[in-house]
Amino acid sequence: MNSELKKQLATLSMYERAILMFCLRAYFNSGNYTNQLPLGEMLPDVAAIFDVNPEVNVFAKLTNLQMAAASGPKLPVKVFKSMTYQKDGQQLVTVLNKQADLNALLKVVDN
């Protein structure tokens, strides 16, 4: 599963990888699975795309990122439970999946 995760990570765009790192670091600093990324400040061009069409999935590869579950059978689970855009405040709201092995993900992403 680790090699499959690395393959998926290799296909992420620079922006998707930065968002993943932001979410992981925010989680490990706060313990909160929900993060609010100030997309309008960090990536105003991407925020403008969402402002025009909030249903567009600019971060499809990130949304579909899967890895082994943290406990129980090592079945694949999505890393993000949800990822939505709040037009008011131009924030990307992400919820990490509690079942994903976030410690292992951080180790893979940091290397």
C-alpha atoms as a PDB file:
ATOM      1  CA  MET A   1       0.000   0.000   0.000  1.00  0.00           C
ATOM      2  CA  ASN A   2       2.932   2.349   0.699  1.00  0.00           C
ATOM      3  CA  SER A   3       4.145   2.143  -2.912  1.00  0.00           C
ATOM      4  CA  GLU A   4       0.607   2.805  -4.150  1.00  0.00           C
ATOM      5  CA  LEU A   5       0.419   5.867  -1.892  1.00  0.00           C
ATOM      6  CA  LYS A   6       3.737   7.138  -3.258  1.00  0.00           C
ATOM      7  CA  LYS A   7       2.427   6.731  -6.818  1.00  0.00           C
ATOM      8  CA  GLN A   8      -0.666   8.759  -5.947  1.00  0.00           C
ATOM      9  CA  LEU A   9       1.413  11.468  -4.253  1.00  0.00           C
ATOM     10  CA  ALA A  10       3.656  11.708  -7.314  1.00  0.00           C
ATOM     11  CA  THR A  11       0.647  12.660  -9.453  1.00  0.00           C
ATOM     12  CA  LEU A  12      -0.436  15.539  -7.187  1.00  0.00           C
ATOM     13  CA  SER A  13       0.103  19.061  -8.412  1.00  0.00           C
ATOM     14  CA  MET A  14       2.302  21.444  -6.460  1.00  0.00           C
ATOM     15  CA  TYR A  15      -0.845  23.114  -5.105  1.00  0.00           C
ATOM     16  CA  GLU A  16      -2.427  19.827  -4.052  1.00  0.00           C
ATOM     17  CA  ARG A  17       0.745  18.772  -2.267  1.00  0.00           C
ATOM     18  CA  ALA A  18       0.905  22.142  -0.452  1.00  0.00           C
ATOM     19  CA  ILE A  19      -2.732  21.794   0.642  1.00  0.00           C
ATOM     20  CA  LEU A  20      -2.073  18.263   1.893  1.00  0.00           C
ATOM     21  CA  MET A  21       0.931  19.451   3.908  1.00  0.00           C
ATOM     22  CA  PHE A  22      -1.059  22.387   5.330  1.00  0.00           C
ATOM     23  CA  CYS A  23      -3.877  20.063   6.417  1.00  0.00           C
ATOM     24  CA  LEU A  24      -1.542  17.486   7.967  1.00  0.00           C
ATOM     25  CA  ARG A  25       0.482  20.084   9.856  1.00  0.00           C
ATOM     26  CA  ALA A  26      -2.689  21.818  11.065  1.00  0.00           C
ATOM     27  CA  TYR A  27      -4.039  18.489  12.285  1.00  0.00           C
ATOM     28  CA  PHE A  28      -0.859  17.526  14.143  1.00  0.00           C
ATOM     29  CA  ASN A  29      -0.629  21.001  15.709  1.00  0.00           C
ATOM     30  CA  SER A  30      -4.265  21.192  16.804  1.00  0.00           C
ATOM     31  CA  GLY A  31      -5.673  17.662  16.778  1.00  0.00           C
ATOM     32  CA  ASN A  32      -8.600  19.010  14.754  1.00  0.00           C
ATOM     33  CA  TYR A  33      -9.556  17.001  11.668  1.00  0.00           C
ATOM     34  CA  THR A  34     -11.288  20.028  10.115  1.00  0.00           C
ATOM     35  CA  ASN A  35      -9.103  22.739   8.563  1.00  0.00           C
ATOM     36  CA  GLN A  36      -9.919  26.048   6.951  1.00  0.00           C
ATOM     37  CA  LEU A  37      -7.368  26.942   4.315  1.00  0.00           C
ATOM     38  CA  PRO A  38      -7.402  30.635   3.310  1.00  0.00           C
ATOM     39  CA  LEU A  39      -7.477  29.856  -0.401  1.00  0.00           C
ATOM     40  CA  GLY A  40      -8.216  33.465  -1.385  1.00  0.00           C
ATOM     41  CA  GLU A  41      -5.000  34.630   0.273  1.00  0.00           C
ATOM     42  CA  MET A  42      -2.785  31.706  -0.727  1.00  0.00           C
ATOM     43  CA  LEU A  43      -4.049  30.902  -4.238  1.00  0.00           C
ATOM     44  CA  PRO A  44      -6.273  33.765  -5.432  1.00  0.00           C
ATOM     45  CA  ASP A  45      -6.459  32.403  -9.007  1.00  0.00           C
ATOM     46  CA  VAL A  46      -7.781  29.062  -7.776  1.00  0.00           C
ATOM     47  CA  ALA A  47     -10.208  30.795  -5.412  1.00  0.00           C
ATOM     48  CA  ALA A  48     -11.518  32.786  -8.387  1.00  0.00           C
ATOM     49  CA  ILE A  49     -12.268  29.508 -10.206  1.00  0.00           C
ATOM     50  CA  PHE A  50     -14.299  28.306  -7.224  1.00  0.00           C
ATOM     51  CA  ASP A  51     -16.034  31.691  -6.950  1.00  0.00           C
ATOM     52  CA  VAL A  52     -17.293  31.326 -10.523  1.00  0.00           C
ATOM     53  CA  ASN A  53     -18.263  27.656 -10.156  1.00  0.00           C
ATOM     54  CA  PRO A  54     -18.166  26.212  -6.604  1.00  0.00           C
ATOM     55  CA  GLU A  55     -19.067  22.748  -7.943  1.00  0.00           C
ATOM     56  CA  VAL A  56     -15.836  22.425  -9.966  1.00  0.00           C
ATOM     57  CA  ASN A  57     -13.350  19.887  -8.569  1.00  0.00           C
ATOM     58  CA  VAL A  58      -9.971  21.547  -9.079  1.00  0.00           C
ATOM     59  CA  PHE A  59      -8.306  19.199  -6.601  1.00  0.00           C
ATOM     60  CA  ALA A  60      -9.728  15.869  -7.853  1.00  0.00           C
ATOM     61  CA  LYS A  61      -6.522  13.888  -7.270  1.00  0.00           C
ATOM     62  CA  LEU A  62      -6.277  15.196  -3.719  1.00  0.00           C
ATOM     63  CA  THR A  63      -9.953  14.520  -3.035  1.00  0.00           C
ATOM     64  CA  ASN A  64      -9.542  10.903  -4.196  1.00  0.00           C
ATOM     65  CA  LEU A  65      -6.218  10.233  -2.416  1.00  0.00           C
ATOM     66  CA  GLN A  66      -6.377   6.868  -0.639  1.00  0.00           C
ATOM     67  CA  MET A  67      -4.185   5.016   1.819  1.00  0.00           C
ATOM     68  CA  ALA A  68      -4.352   2.149   4.299  1.00  0.00           C
ATOM     69  CA  ALA A  69      -6.591   2.439   7.325  1.00  0.00           C
ATOM     70  CA  ALA A  70      -4.832   3.184  10.616  1.00  0.00           C
ATOM     71  CA  SER A  71      -6.344   0.215  12.421  1.00  0.00           C
ATOM     72  CA  GLY A  72      -8.089  -3.000  11.584  1.00  0.00           C
ATOM     73  CA  PRO A  73      -7.726  -4.485   8.114  1.00  0.00           C
ATOM     74  CA  LYS A  74      -5.351  -2.422   5.988  1.00  0.00           C
ATOM     75  CA  LEU A  75      -8.072  -1.629   3.485  1.00  0.00           C
ATOM     76  CA  PRO A  76      -7.795   1.583   1.469  1.00  0.00           C
ATOM     77  CA  VAL A  77      -9.648   4.617   2.803  1.00  0.00           C
ATOM     78  CA  LYS A  78      -9.818   8.160   1.492  1.00  0.00           C
ATOM     79  CA  VAL A  79      -7.488  10.627   3.233  1.00  0.00           C
ATOM     80  CA  PHE A  80     -10.103  13.398   3.092  1.00  0.00           C
ATOM     81  CA  LYS A  81     -13.613  12.800   4.326  1.00  0.00           C
ATOM     82  CA  SER A  82     -14.721  16.003   2.605  1.00  0.00           C
ATOM     83  CA  MET A  83     -13.379  19.055   0.830  1.00  0.00           C
ATOM     84  CA  THR A  84     -15.660  22.033   0.235  1.00  0.00           C
ATOM     85  CA  TYR A  85     -15.235  25.665  -0.730  1.00  0.00           C
ATOM     86  CA  GLN A  86     -16.805  28.516   1.247  1.00  0.00           C
ATOM     87  CA  LYS A  87     -17.270  31.447  -1.085  1.00  0.00           C
ATOM     88  CA  ASP A  88     -17.776  33.759   1.883  1.00  0.00           C
ATOM     89  CA  GLY A  89     -14.189  34.184   3.091  1.00  0.00           C
ATOM     90  CA  GLN A  90     -12.749  32.216   0.150  1.00  0.00           C
ATOM     91  CA  GLN A  91     -11.787  29.250   2.303  1.00  0.00           C
ATOM     92  CA  LEU A  92     -11.226  25.633   1.393  1.00  0.00           C
ATOM     93  CA  VAL A  93     -12.661  23.562   4.236  1.00  0.00           C
ATOM     94  CA  THR A  94     -11.196  20.089   4.517  1.00  0.00           C
ATOM     95  CA  VAL A  95     -12.021  17.256   6.878  1.00  0.00           C
ATOM     96  CA  LEU A  96      -9.387  14.551   7.255  1.00  0.00           C
ATOM     97  CA  ASN A  97     -10.615  10.980   7.569  1.00  0.00           C
ATOM     98  CA  LYS A  98     -10.144   9.655  11.116  1.00  0.00           C
ATOM     99  CA  GLN A  99      -9.660   6.144   9.718  1.00  0.00           C
ATOM    100  CA  ALA A 100      -6.628   7.097   7.584  1.00  0.00           C
ATOM    101  CA  ASP A 101      -3.146   6.477   8.981  1.00  0.00           C
ATOM    102  CA  LEU A 102      -2.188  10.156   9.116  1.00  0.00           C
ATOM    103  CA  ASN A 103       1.097   9.482  10.936  1.00  0.00           C
ATOM    104  CA  ALA A 104       2.274   7.218   8.123  1.00  0.00           C
ATOM    105  CA  LEU A 105       1.077   9.742   5.533  1.00  0.00           C
ATOM    106  CA  LEU A 106       3.070  12.535   7.146  1.00  0.00           C
ATOM    107  CA  LYS A 107       6.203  10.380   7.123  1.00  0.00           C
ATOM    108  CA  VAL A 108       5.782   9.591   3.431  1.00  0.00           C
ATOM    109  CA  VAL A 109       5.045  13.206   2.492  1.00  0.00           C
ATOM    110  CA  ASP A 110       7.972  14.573   4.515  1.00  0.00           C
ATOM    111  CA  ASN A 111      10.466  12.301   2.701  1.00  0.00           C
END
